[in-house]
Amino acid sequence: MTTDSNLGRLLANRYRLAELIGKGAMGRVYRAEDTLLGGVIAVKFLAQALLNPKMRDRFKSEARTCAQLGRKSIHIVNVIDYGVTDYKEEEVPFYVMEYLQGQSLSEVINNQPLPLPRFLTLARQISLGLQCAHQGIVIDDTVYSIIHRDIKPSNILVSRDASLGELVKILDFGISKLLQANSDQTSSYMGTLAYSSPEQMEGRELDSRSDIYSLGVMMYEMLTGKMPLHVETHAFGAWYKAHHSQPPRSFEAVSPHLKLPKALENLVMSCLAKSPRDRPQSVAHVLEALEPLHKRYLEKDRVVGDISRILQRKPVKSSLPPQLDLLLPVDGAWQVATWPQDKPTAQIVFAQTLAMGRQNLPAVWVMLPQQEIQNLQVYRLYNVIYKNFLYAMSPHPTLLWITGIYNRKRSQKGNGKQEQGPRWLPCYLDLKTLQGQELIRLLIEKGEYQLLLFGLEQPDACVHAMTITINESQRLQLQEWAITSQSWRSIGQATLSKNLLKSEFDKLKPRITTEMEKDPGGSSFGH
């Protein structure tokens, strides 16, 4: 039995390799421990057979691409670091990514095809990840579309969550392009034969429609457990001929008892068109076809605890005009809210639920000088409210919940003093704690939160309250972050994420302040 000499090694004086969890022609993947910040991560090495200066540069570029994509979409694996081994006998590039527990899609569909509701859930998430990549990343002020080039079940990871269902992550973005760009590999086909588009088999320049073809092959396999094309041998020539001239087998031919919506059959077959111009021209078109099916077949399976389903069950509605909705006090909120005994009497801000009868409401609790609260009450028509959320996934899933109030009257001279600029009321949520998870769930479900103001001079009772609404795009963003935080493994202290968020917020303050000062009508904003 051969022992892996990498096990136990320390990379970059930080990452200790613990277990080999995957290997292939591209390289090896290890589970590792982050000894600096703590937590479990995954480390991917470029295969030694592919080592040369140009390949190292390409590998680094791919790591940077994956890092940007992972920050844009929860359906793409997130890369968090890059380096080169410092062993004397070799220099091998590696990158560090989130450690994911689950099954590859190939394992999921190995025994049997997927039931239609589960297929729709997974196919939609895969499409969302691809759409994000095809929309591109910015490099030197230019947007570059990212084509995967190797979409197949083994590059899709499915993780489970007790409350949120299944979460899909796409792995290995851009690896095929990386290998084809190597001067020593230009005459070689790189990809996976069974899932490659006809134009990829020819070695032509690819666009997003090539990924759509591969997605079509994979969706066919997810629904039937079989491939749409049949070859006698897995040689390149056999697959080349099949992709170019063999019509895909009908669903009825391979699965006579399978009952699928005609719209879904048509979608999959259109993705398998030989010519790129005959396929859906973007993943957005695939999603447009999947969405009504997704809603129709999953309606009966909705679960109250699922955050995304809460949003569809309870749309955002308001019985008040948008501006007044933000500025009127909540009936009874100031009567029942008392300053928590475990909090000091000081000018502080924190997030905590507010019990109102049988329900809990998300709330930001604030203690300010009595005079300042009175100014906000008296001159409330001049209040401009800013509300927004910033999120840091690494090293620890943390949310910065921002409320800002700008009041022109407050910013004018009075009582011998001059107060200028907005009053910022930031607080943080640790999304790995029960309290943080409860608050973000309530924000998504309610679509609003309470701002409770307590006077520093008379701290016991709430003296003023506002209901602050959040728009639907913010709720959807919170939903995505909530899902991400459930599957993401912390690799460091929450304090580090707080410091990162504070730094980013400090950079945004001048621009936000300028916009608030321009607002003549006291409206609310924050997207």
Protein backbone atom coordinates (compact mmCIF):
# COMPACT_ATOMS: atom_id res chain seq x y z
CA MET A 1 0.00 0.00 0.00
CA THR A 2 1.46 3.34 -1.11
CA THR A 3 1.49 6.19 1.40
CA ASP A 4 0.73 9.69 0.12
CA SER A 5 3.79 11.79 1.02
CA ASN A 6 1.71 14.99 0.94
CA LEU A 7 -0.37 14.03 3.97
CA GLY A 8 0.62 16.08 7.00
CA ARG A 9 2.54 18.64 4.95
CA LEU A 10 2.12 22.34 5.72
CA LEU A 11 1.52 24.68 2.77
CA ALA A 12 2.38 28.39 2.99
CA ASN A 13 3.02 27.88 6.69
CA ARG A 14 -0.75 27.65 7.07
CA TYR A 15 -2.63 24.78 5.36
CA ARG A 16 -2.00 21.26 6.69
CA LEU A 17 -3.00 18.51 4.24
CA ALA A 18 -5.13 15.85 5.90
CA GLU A 19 -6.74 13.60 3.27
CA LEU A 20 -6.80 13.05 -0.49
CA ILE A 21 -10.43 13.50 -1.55
CA GLY A 22 -10.19 13.65 -5.34
CA LYS A 23 -7.82 13.21 -8.27
CA GLY A 24 -7.87 13.31 -12.04
CA ALA A 25 -5.93 14.40 -15.10
CA MET A 26 -6.02 18.02 -13.94
CA GLY A 27 -4.57 17.41 -10.49
CA ARG A 28 -5.36 16.38 -6.92
CA VAL A 29 -7.67 17.78 -4.25
CA TYR A 30 -7.00 17.45 -0.52
CA ARG A 31 -9.00 18.16 2.59
CA ALA A 32 -6.87 20.41 4.78
CA GLU A 33 -6.87 22.38 8.01
CA ASP A 34 -6.31 26.12 8.13
CA THR A 35 -3.91 26.28 11.09
CA LEU A 36 -3.89 30.10 11.10
CA LEU A 37 -7.61 30.89 11.21
CA GLY A 38 -8.98 27.44 11.97
CA GLY A 39 -11.54 25.51 9.97
CA VAL A 40 -11.53 22.95 7.17
CA ILE A 41 -10.77 23.89 3.55
CA ALA A 42 -9.89 22.11 0.31
CA VAL A 43 -6.60 22.49 -1.59
CA LYS A 44 -6.29 21.76 -5.30
CA PHE A 45 -2.89 21.14 -6.96
CA LEU A 46 -2.10 21.38 -10.64
CA ALA A 47 -0.95 17.99 -11.97
CA GLN A 48 2.83 17.68 -12.15
CA ALA A 49 2.61 16.46 -15.73
CA LEU A 50 1.29 19.88 -16.71
CA LEU A 51 3.93 21.98 -14.97
CA ASN A 52 5.71 24.70 -16.93
CA PRO A 53 5.91 28.50 -16.49
CA LYS A 54 3.02 29.21 -18.84
CA MET A 55 0.78 26.68 -17.13
CA ARG A 56 1.56 28.16 -13.71
CA ASP A 57 0.46 31.58 -14.93
CA ARG A 58 -2.72 30.10 -16.41
CA PHE A 59 -3.47 28.18 -13.22
CA LYS A 60 -3.14 31.39 -11.20
CA SER A 61 -5.45 33.15 -13.63
CA GLU A 62 -8.02 30.38 -13.28
CA ALA A 63 -7.85 30.62 -9.49
CA ARG A 64 -8.55 34.33 -9.73
CA THR A 65 -11.45 33.70 -12.11
CA CYS A 66 -12.99 31.12 -9.76
CA ALA A 67 -12.56 33.47 -6.81
CA GLN A 68 -14.52 36.22 -8.58
CA LEU A 69 -17.24 33.85 -9.75
CA GLY A 70 -17.58 32.29 -6.29
CA ARG A 71 -18.23 35.71 -4.81
CA LYS A 72 -20.91 36.40 -7.40
CA SER A 73 -22.92 33.19 -7.13
CA ILE A 74 -23.66 30.69 -4.38
CA HIS A 75 -23.83 28.02 -7.10
CA ILE A 76 -20.10 28.23 -7.93
CA VAL A 77 -17.40 26.88 -5.62
CA ASN A 78 -15.57 29.72 -3.88
CA VAL A 79 -11.77 30.04 -4.13
CA ILE A 80 -10.17 31.91 -1.22
CA ASP A 81 -6.38 31.70 -1.68
CA TYR A 82 -3.59 30.85 -4.13
CA GLY A 83 0.03 29.79 -3.67
CA VAL A 84 2.98 27.68 -4.78
CA THR A 85 4.43 24.85 -2.71
CA ASP A 86 7.64 25.84 -0.95
CA TYR A 87 9.10 22.33 -0.88
CA LYS A 88 12.73 22.20 -2.07
CA GLU A 89 12.21 19.32 -4.45
CA GLU A 90 9.24 20.84 -6.33
CA GLU A 91 7.23 23.98 -6.97
CA VAL A 92 3.61 23.12 -7.66
CA PRO A 93 0.87 25.79 -7.79
CA PHE A 94 -2.27 25.26 -5.72
CA TYR A 95 -5.39 27.12 -4.80
CA VAL A 96 -7.53 26.96 -1.68
CA MET A 97 -11.30 26.70 -1.84
CA GLU A 98 -14.27 26.08 0.39
CA TYR A 99 -14.58 22.50 1.61
CA LEU A 100 -17.87 21.03 0.45
CA GLN A 101 -19.58 17.97 1.81
CA GLY A 102 -22.05 16.18 -0.39
CA GLN A 103 -22.28 14.04 -3.50
CA SER A 104 -21.34 14.71 -7.07
CA LEU A 105 -24.31 14.74 -9.41
CA SER A 106 -22.87 11.62 -11.06
CA GLU A 107 -23.25 9.81 -7.72
CA VAL A 108 -26.77 11.20 -7.24
CA ILE A 109 -28.01 9.87 -10.60
CA ASN A 110 -25.93 6.68 -10.61
CA ASN A 111 -28.71 4.41 -9.37
CA GLN A 112 -31.82 5.97 -10.87
CA PRO A 113 -33.10 9.04 -12.75
CA LEU A 114 -34.25 12.05 -10.76
CA PRO A 115 -37.92 12.65 -9.91
CA LEU A 116 -39.21 15.67 -11.79
CA PRO A 117 -39.41 18.10 -8.80
CA ARG A 118 -35.84 17.30 -7.75
CA PHE A 119 -34.63 17.58 -11.35
CA LEU A 120 -36.19 21.03 -11.68
CA THR A 121 -34.59 22.22 -8.44
CA LEU A 122 -31.10 21.05 -9.41
CA ALA A 123 -31.31 22.06 -13.08
CA ARG A 124 -32.42 25.56 -12.14
CA GLN A 125 -29.52 26.02 -9.71
CA ILE A 126 -26.99 24.72 -12.26
CA SER A 127 -28.39 27.15 -14.81
CA LEU A 128 -28.16 30.05 -12.38
CA GLY A 129 -24.48 29.28 -11.79
CA LEU A 130 -23.79 29.06 -15.52
CA GLN A 131 -25.68 32.28 -16.18
CA CYS A 132 -23.52 34.10 -13.63
CA ALA A 133 -20.32 32.84 -15.30
CA HIS A 134 -21.50 33.68 -18.81
CA GLN A 135 -22.34 37.22 -17.67
CA GLY A 136 -18.64 37.49 -16.99
CA ILE A 137 -16.09 38.99 -14.67
CA VAL A 138 -14.32 42.34 -14.88
CA ILE A 139 -10.59 42.39 -15.63
CA ASP A 140 -8.92 45.76 -16.30
CA ASP A 141 -12.33 47.44 -16.77
CA THR A 142 -13.33 44.88 -19.41
CA VAL A 143 -16.03 42.23 -18.95
CA TYR A 144 -14.99 38.71 -19.99
CA SER A 145 -17.56 35.96 -20.32
CA ILE A 146 -16.43 32.71 -18.66
CA ILE A 147 -17.24 29.47 -20.47
CA HIS A 148 -16.95 26.30 -18.40
CA ARG A 149 -16.10 23.89 -21.25
CA ASP A 150 -16.49 20.76 -19.13
CA ILE A 151 -20.05 20.68 -17.80
CA LYS A 152 -20.78 17.13 -16.66
CA PRO A 153 -22.29 15.44 -13.58
CA SER A 154 -18.93 14.85 -11.87
CA ASN A 155 -18.30 18.64 -11.93
CA ILE A 156 -21.56 19.37 -10.09
CA LEU A 157 -21.65 18.94 -6.32
CA VAL A 158 -24.94 18.56 -4.46
CA SER A 159 -24.97 19.24 -0.72
CA ARG A 160 -27.89 18.72 1.63
CA ASP A 161 -29.25 20.99 4.33
CA ALA A 162 -31.94 20.00 6.81
CA SER A 163 -33.88 23.26 6.47
CA LEU A 164 -32.91 24.58 3.03
CA GLY A 165 -33.08 21.43 0.91
CA GLU A 166 -30.32 20.93 -1.67
CA LEU A 167 -27.63 23.36 -2.78
CA VAL A 168 -25.75 22.95 -6.07
CA LYS A 169 -22.15 24.06 -6.63
CA ILE A 170 -20.37 24.00 -10.00
CA LEU A 171 -16.70 23.00 -9.84
CA ASP A 172 -13.62 23.50 -12.06
CA PHE A 173 -14.49 26.58 -14.08
CA GLY A 174 -12.31 27.20 -17.09
CA ILE A 175 -10.01 24.21 -16.66
CA SER A 176 -10.44 22.99 -20.24
CA LYS A 177 -9.52 26.40 -21.62
CA LEU A 178 -6.53 26.44 -19.32
CA LEU A 179 -5.22 23.20 -20.81
CA GLN A 180 -5.96 24.12 -24.41
CA ALA A 181 -4.05 27.37 -23.95
CA ASN A 182 -0.89 25.40 -23.15
CA SER A 183 1.45 25.51 -26.17
CA ASP A 184 2.22 21.82 -25.71
CA GLN A 185 -1.46 20.88 -25.78
CA THR A 186 -2.78 22.83 -28.77
CA SER A 187 -3.19 19.74 -30.94
CA SER A 188 -4.93 17.76 -28.19
CA TYR A 189 -8.64 17.63 -27.48
CA MET A 190 -9.40 18.51 -23.84
CA GLY A 191 -12.82 17.93 -22.40
CA THR A 192 -15.19 15.03 -21.75
CA LEU A 193 -16.21 13.25 -24.94
CA ALA A 194 -19.77 12.33 -24.01
CA TYR A 195 -20.72 15.91 -23.02
CA SER A 196 -18.78 17.97 -25.59
CA SER A 197 -20.53 20.10 -28.18
CA PRO A 198 -19.87 19.49 -31.90
CA GLU A 199 -17.91 22.74 -32.14
CA GLN A 200 -15.80 21.75 -29.12
CA MET A 201 -14.93 18.45 -30.81
CA GLU A 202 -13.65 20.50 -33.76
CA GLY A 203 -11.44 22.64 -31.54
CA ARG A 204 -13.29 25.82 -32.53
CA GLU A 205 -13.57 28.96 -30.40
CA LEU A 206 -16.45 28.44 -27.98
CA ASP A 207 -19.18 30.63 -26.54
CA SER A 208 -21.92 30.09 -23.97
CA ARG A 209 -23.94 27.92 -26.37
CA SER A 210 -21.33 25.16 -26.05
CA ASP A 211 -22.02 24.97 -22.31
CA ILE A 212 -25.75 24.90 -23.14
CA TYR A 213 -25.21 21.81 -25.30
CA SER A 214 -23.34 20.09 -22.44
CA LEU A 215 -26.13 21.14 -20.08
CA GLY A 216 -28.64 19.52 -22.44
CA VAL A 217 -26.72 16.21 -22.41
CA MET A 218 -26.60 16.34 -18.62
CA MET A 219 -30.30 17.21 -18.22
CA TYR A 220 -31.22 14.29 -20.50
CA GLU A 221 -29.13 11.98 -18.32
CA MET A 222 -30.64 13.39 -15.12
CA LEU A 223 -34.16 12.65 -16.39
CA THR A 224 -33.58 9.22 -17.97
CA GLY A 225 -30.41 7.80 -16.45
CA LYS A 226 -29.13 7.30 -20.02
CA MET A 227 -27.21 9.31 -22.61
CA PRO A 228 -28.97 10.94 -25.59
CA LEU A 229 -26.33 9.58 -28.00
CA HIS A 230 -25.18 5.97 -28.31
CA VAL A 231 -21.70 4.88 -29.42
CA GLU A 232 -20.19 1.41 -29.79
CA THR A 233 -16.78 2.55 -28.55
CA HIS A 234 -15.64 5.51 -26.47
CA ALA A 235 -12.99 6.54 -28.98
CA PHE A 236 -12.74 10.16 -30.07
CA GLY A 237 -13.82 9.35 -33.62
CA ALA A 238 -16.99 7.60 -32.48
CA TRP A 239 -18.06 10.51 -30.30
CA TYR A 240 -17.11 13.05 -32.99
CA LYS A 241 -19.44 11.33 -35.43
CA ALA A 242 -22.25 10.97 -32.86
CA HIS A 243 -22.20 14.63 -31.82
CA HIS A 244 -22.14 15.80 -35.43
CA SER A 245 -24.61 13.50 -37.18
CA GLN A 246 -26.53 11.23 -34.77
CA PRO A 247 -29.95 12.62 -33.71
CA PRO A 248 -30.51 12.44 -29.95
CA ARG A 249 -32.75 9.55 -28.93
CA SER A 250 -36.29 10.54 -27.97
CA PHE A 251 -37.35 10.32 -24.34
CA GLU A 252 -40.00 7.79 -25.26
CA ALA A 253 -37.40 5.54 -26.93
CA VAL A 254 -35.15 5.27 -23.88
CA SER A 255 -37.82 5.55 -21.12
CA PRO A 256 -41.28 4.53 -22.42
CA HIS A 257 -42.94 4.97 -19.03
CA LEU A 258 -41.43 8.40 -18.31
CA LYS A 259 -44.05 11.14 -18.38
CA LEU A 260 -42.55 14.59 -18.87
CA PRO A 261 -44.11 17.95 -19.72
CA LYS A 262 -43.79 18.55 -23.45
CA ALA A 263 -42.23 21.93 -22.74
CA LEU A 264 -39.41 20.26 -20.83
CA GLU A 265 -38.78 17.69 -23.59
CA ASN A 266 -38.63 20.52 -26.12
CA LEU A 267 -36.20 22.48 -23.96
CA VAL A 268 -33.77 19.60 -23.57
CA MET A 269 -33.91 18.71 -27.26
CA SER A 270 -33.32 22.33 -28.27
CA CYS A 271 -30.21 22.39 -26.06
CA LEU A 272 -28.97 19.32 -27.99
CA ALA A 273 -29.22 20.95 -31.40
CA LYS A 274 -26.14 20.33 -33.53
CA SER A 275 -25.83 23.94 -34.63
CA PRO A 276 -25.28 26.61 -31.93
CA ARG A 277 -27.77 28.94 -33.64
CA ASP A 278 -30.56 26.35 -33.14
CA ARG A 279 -30.02 26.13 -29.36
CA PRO A 280 -31.23 28.57 -26.69
CA GLN A 281 -28.96 31.57 -27.26
CA SER A 282 -28.30 32.14 -23.55
CA VAL A 283 -28.85 30.38 -20.24
CA ALA A 284 -31.42 33.09 -19.48
CA HIS A 285 -33.63 31.44 -22.13
CA VAL A 286 -33.14 28.06 -20.44
CA LEU A 287 -34.19 29.59 -17.12
CA GLU A 288 -37.24 31.20 -18.72
CA ALA A 289 -38.37 27.74 -19.79
CA LEU A 290 -37.58 26.12 -16.43
CA GLU A 291 -39.18 28.74 -14.17
CA PRO A 292 -42.88 28.03 -14.88
CA LEU A 293 -42.24 24.29 -14.60
CA HIS A 294 -40.35 24.83 -11.36
CA LYS A 295 -43.23 26.80 -9.85
CA ARG A 296 -45.88 24.38 -11.11
CA TYR A 297 -44.33 21.13 -9.92
CA LEU A 298 -42.85 22.35 -6.66
CA GLU A 299 -45.92 24.22 -5.40
CA LYS A 300 -47.31 21.16 -3.65
CA ASP A 301 -43.96 20.45 -1.96
CA ARG A 302 -43.49 23.83 -0.32
CA VAL A 303 -42.20 23.75 3.27
CA VAL A 304 -42.77 26.56 5.76
CA GLY A 305 -39.19 26.46 7.01
CA ASP A 306 -37.66 26.95 3.56
CA ILE A 307 -36.64 30.58 3.23
CA SER A 308 -37.05 30.80 -0.53
CA ARG A 309 -40.56 29.33 -0.31
CA ILE A 310 -41.61 31.84 2.33
CA LEU A 311 -40.91 34.59 -0.19
CA GLN A 312 -43.13 33.02 -2.85
CA ARG A 313 -45.90 32.28 -0.37
CA LYS A 314 -45.94 35.76 1.11
CA PRO A 315 -45.23 38.49 -1.45
CA VAL A 316 -44.11 41.93 -0.35
CA LYS A 317 -47.11 44.19 0.24
CA SER A 318 -47.62 47.45 2.06
CA SER A 319 -50.85 49.19 3.00
CA LEU A 320 -49.07 52.52 3.54
CA PRO A 321 -47.53 54.91 1.01
CA PRO A 322 -43.83 54.02 0.61
CA GLN A 323 -42.47 57.15 2.31
CA LEU A 324 -44.88 57.18 5.26
CA ASP A 325 -44.43 53.46 5.71
CA LEU A 326 -40.89 54.20 6.81
CA LEU A 327 -41.54 57.12 9.09
CA LEU A 328 -44.63 56.32 11.11
CA PRO A 329 -44.11 54.67 14.52
CA VAL A 330 -45.15 51.07 15.00
CA ASP A 331 -48.35 50.84 17.00
CA GLY A 332 -47.45 49.69 20.49
CA ALA A 333 -43.77 49.06 19.78
CA TRP A 334 -42.51 51.75 22.15
CA GLN A 335 -44.95 50.55 24.82
CA VAL A 336 -43.71 46.97 25.02
CA ALA A 337 -40.02 47.47 24.29
CA THR A 338 -37.76 47.88 27.31
CA TRP A 339 -33.99 48.22 27.26
CA PRO A 340 -32.45 44.76 27.89
CA GLN A 341 -30.88 44.40 31.32
CA ASP A 342 -27.74 42.81 29.89
CA LYS A 343 -26.97 45.90 27.77
CA PRO A 344 -25.11 48.94 29.14
CA THR A 345 -26.66 52.40 29.29
CA ALA A 346 -24.58 53.91 26.52
CA GLN A 347 -24.78 55.03 22.88
CA ILE A 348 -24.78 51.59 21.31
CA VAL A 349 -26.56 49.77 18.47
CA PHE A 350 -27.42 46.06 18.33
CA ALA A 351 -29.84 43.71 16.58
CA GLN A 352 -32.34 41.64 18.56
CA THR A 353 -35.85 40.31 18.02
CA LEU A 354 -38.81 42.22 19.47
CA ALA A 355 -41.64 40.13 20.91
CA MET A 356 -45.02 41.51 19.82
CA GLY A 357 -47.79 39.26 21.10
CA ARG A 358 -47.33 35.85 19.52
CA GLN A 359 -44.86 36.97 16.89
CA ASN A 360 -41.25 38.10 16.88
CA LEU A 361 -40.12 41.04 14.77
CA PRO A 362 -36.60 41.85 13.60
CA ALA A 363 -35.39 45.02 15.28
CA VAL A 364 -32.42 47.34 15.62
CA TRP A 365 -32.11 48.71 19.16
CA VAL A 366 -30.47 52.11 19.53
CA MET A 367 -29.65 54.40 22.46
CA LEU A 368 -29.09 58.08 21.63
CA PRO A 369 -29.22 61.41 23.47
CA GLN A 370 -32.82 62.43 24.10
CA GLN A 371 -32.44 65.68 22.13
CA GLU A 372 -31.33 63.86 19.01
CA ILE A 373 -34.33 61.52 19.15
CA GLN A 374 -36.63 64.51 19.64
CA ASN A 375 -35.17 66.19 16.53
CA LEU A 376 -35.88 63.06 14.51
CA GLN A 377 -39.47 63.08 15.79
CA VAL A 378 -40.18 66.78 15.34
CA TYR A 379 -38.53 67.03 11.92
CA ARG A 380 -39.43 63.56 10.74
CA LEU A 381 -40.57 64.79 7.29
CA TYR A 382 -36.94 65.77 6.68
CA ASN A 383 -35.62 62.33 7.53
CA VAL A 384 -33.84 60.48 4.75
CA ILE A 385 -33.49 56.80 5.58
CA TYR A 386 -30.77 54.57 4.16
CA LYS A 387 -30.96 50.82 4.71
CA ASN A 388 -28.67 48.17 3.28
CA PHE A 389 -26.74 44.98 4.01
CA LEU A 390 -23.14 43.95 3.35
CA TYR A 391 -21.96 40.35 3.60
CA ALA A 392 -18.62 38.65 4.19
CA MET A 393 -18.52 34.89 3.60
CA SER A 394 -14.87 34.44 4.56
CA PRO A 395 -13.32 33.89 6.99
CA HIS A 396 -16.67 33.68 8.84
CA PRO A 397 -20.22 34.27 7.47
CA THR A 398 -21.14 37.70 8.84
CA LEU A 399 -23.75 40.30 7.88
CA LEU A 400 -23.37 44.05 8.36
CA TRP A 401 -26.85 45.52 8.81
CA ILE A 402 -26.75 49.26 8.04
CA THR A 403 -29.32 51.92 8.87
CA GLY A 404 -28.55 55.57 8.26
CA ILE A 405 -30.68 58.64 9.06
CA TYR A 406 -29.92 62.01 7.51
CA ASN A 407 -31.93 65.01 8.70
CA ARG A 408 -31.29 68.45 7.27
CA LYS A 409 -32.62 70.14 10.39
CA ARG A 410 -30.41 68.03 12.61
CA SER A 411 -27.42 69.00 10.46
CA GLN A 412 -28.07 72.73 10.88
CA LYS A 413 -26.71 74.84 13.71
CA GLY A 414 -28.67 74.72 16.93
CA ASN A 415 -28.04 75.22 20.67
CA GLY A 416 -24.53 76.46 19.91
CA LYS A 417 -23.61 73.14 18.23
CA GLN A 418 -23.29 71.95 14.69
CA GLU A 419 -24.09 68.36 13.87
CA GLN A 420 -23.41 67.29 10.32
CA GLY A 421 -23.88 64.20 8.23
CA PRO A 422 -25.98 61.08 8.72
CA ARG A 423 -26.39 59.22 11.97
CA TRP A 424 -25.06 55.74 11.16
CA LEU A 425 -26.58 52.82 13.04
CA PRO A 426 -24.62 49.68 12.02
CA CYS A 427 -24.86 46.29 13.68
CA TYR A 428 -23.53 42.83 12.86
CA LEU A 429 -25.11 39.38 12.61
CA ASP A 430 -23.09 36.19 13.02
CA LEU A 431 -24.90 33.88 10.57
CA LYS A 432 -23.56 30.76 12.26
CA THR A 433 -25.49 31.53 15.45
CA LEU A 434 -29.15 30.76 16.10
CA GLN A 435 -29.83 34.44 16.80
CA GLY A 436 -28.27 35.54 13.51
CA GLN A 437 -30.16 32.90 11.55
CA GLU A 438 -33.46 33.83 13.21
CA LEU A 439 -33.02 37.53 12.49
CA ILE A 440 -32.17 37.05 8.82
CA ARG A 441 -35.12 34.67 8.46
CA LEU A 442 -37.46 37.28 9.95
CA LEU A 443 -36.05 40.02 7.72
CA ILE A 444 -36.78 37.89 4.66
CA GLU A 445 -40.23 36.84 5.86
CA LYS A 446 -41.43 40.25 7.11
CA GLY A 447 -39.78 42.51 4.54
CA GLU A 448 -39.32 45.17 7.20
CA TYR A 449 -37.75 45.80 10.58
CA GLN A 450 -38.28 48.03 13.60
CA LEU A 451 -35.87 50.80 14.57
CA LEU A 452 -36.31 51.27 18.34
CA LEU A 453 -34.90 54.47 19.85
CA PHE A 454 -34.14 54.78 23.58
CA GLY A 455 -33.11 58.02 25.31
CA LEU A 456 -29.76 58.04 27.05
CA GLU A 457 -31.12 60.18 29.90
CA GLN A 458 -34.20 57.97 30.46
CA PRO A 459 -33.11 54.56 29.19
CA ASP A 460 -35.81 52.22 30.46
CA ALA A 461 -38.55 52.64 27.84
CA CYS A 462 -38.55 53.06 24.06
CA VAL A 463 -39.45 56.67 23.21
CA HIS A 464 -39.75 56.41 19.44
CA ALA A 465 -39.95 53.68 16.80
CA MET A 466 -39.91 53.48 13.02
CA THR A 467 -40.86 50.71 10.64
CA ILE A 468 -38.23 50.44 7.90
CA THR A 469 -39.10 48.43 4.80
CA ILE A 470 -36.59 46.54 2.69
CA ASN A 471 -37.21 45.99 -1.00
CA GLU A 472 -37.63 42.64 -2.69
CA SER A 473 -34.18 42.64 -4.27
CA GLN A 474 -32.68 43.05 -0.80
CA ARG A 475 -34.81 40.19 0.49
CA LEU A 476 -33.67 37.93 -2.34
CA GLN A 477 -30.06 38.87 -1.64
CA LEU A 478 -30.55 38.06 2.05
CA GLN A 479 -32.08 34.73 1.06
CA GLU A 480 -29.03 33.87 -1.04
CA TRP A 481 -26.66 34.80 1.78
CA ALA A 482 -28.70 32.79 4.28
CA ILE A 483 -28.42 29.70 2.08
CA THR A 484 -24.70 30.27 1.54
CA SER A 485 -24.00 30.61 5.26
CA GLN A 486 -25.65 27.26 5.98
CA SER A 487 -23.25 25.30 3.77
CA TRP A 488 -20.16 27.47 4.24
CA ARG A 489 -17.61 26.30 6.79
CA SER A 490 -16.05 29.03 8.89
CA ILE A 491 -12.28 29.24 8.50
CA GLY A 492 -11.61 32.05 10.98
CA GLN A 493 -12.86 34.42 13.63
CA ALA A 494 -16.06 36.43 13.17
CA THR A 495 -14.12 39.52 14.31
CA LEU A 496 -12.00 39.35 11.16
CA SER A 497 -15.09 39.44 8.96
CA LYS A 498 -16.46 42.36 10.99
CA ASN A 499 -13.27 44.32 10.41
CA LEU A 500 -13.43 43.61 6.67
CA LEU A 501 -17.05 44.76 6.51
CA LYS A 502 -16.35 47.89 8.52
CA SER A 503 -13.52 48.79 6.17
CA GLU A 504 -15.75 48.35 3.11
CA PHE A 505 -18.53 50.39 4.71
CA ASP A 506 -16.14 53.22 5.55
CA LYS A 507 -15.24 53.40 1.85
CA LEU A 508 -18.92 53.66 0.89
CA LYS A 509 -19.93 56.32 3.43
CA PRO A 510 -18.90 59.43 1.43
CA ARG A 511 -20.86 58.36 -1.65
CA ILE A 512 -23.92 57.36 0.37
CA THR A 513 -23.82 60.65 2.28
CA THR A 514 -23.71 62.63 -0.96
CA GLU A 515 -26.81 60.83 -2.23
CA MET A 516 -28.66 61.40 1.03
CA GLU A 517 -27.86 65.10 1.02
CA LYS A 518 -29.20 65.41 -2.55
CA ASP A 519 -32.53 63.84 -1.61
CA PRO A 520 -34.97 66.77 -1.30
CA GLY A 521 -38.10 64.92 -0.32
CA GLY A 522 -36.99 62.82 2.59
CA SER A 523 -37.47 59.57 0.71
CA SER A 524 -35.88 56.31 1.65
CA PHE A 525 -33.44 54.33 -0.42
CA GLY A 526 -30.71 51.72 -0.22
CA HIS A 527 -30.35 48.96 -2.79
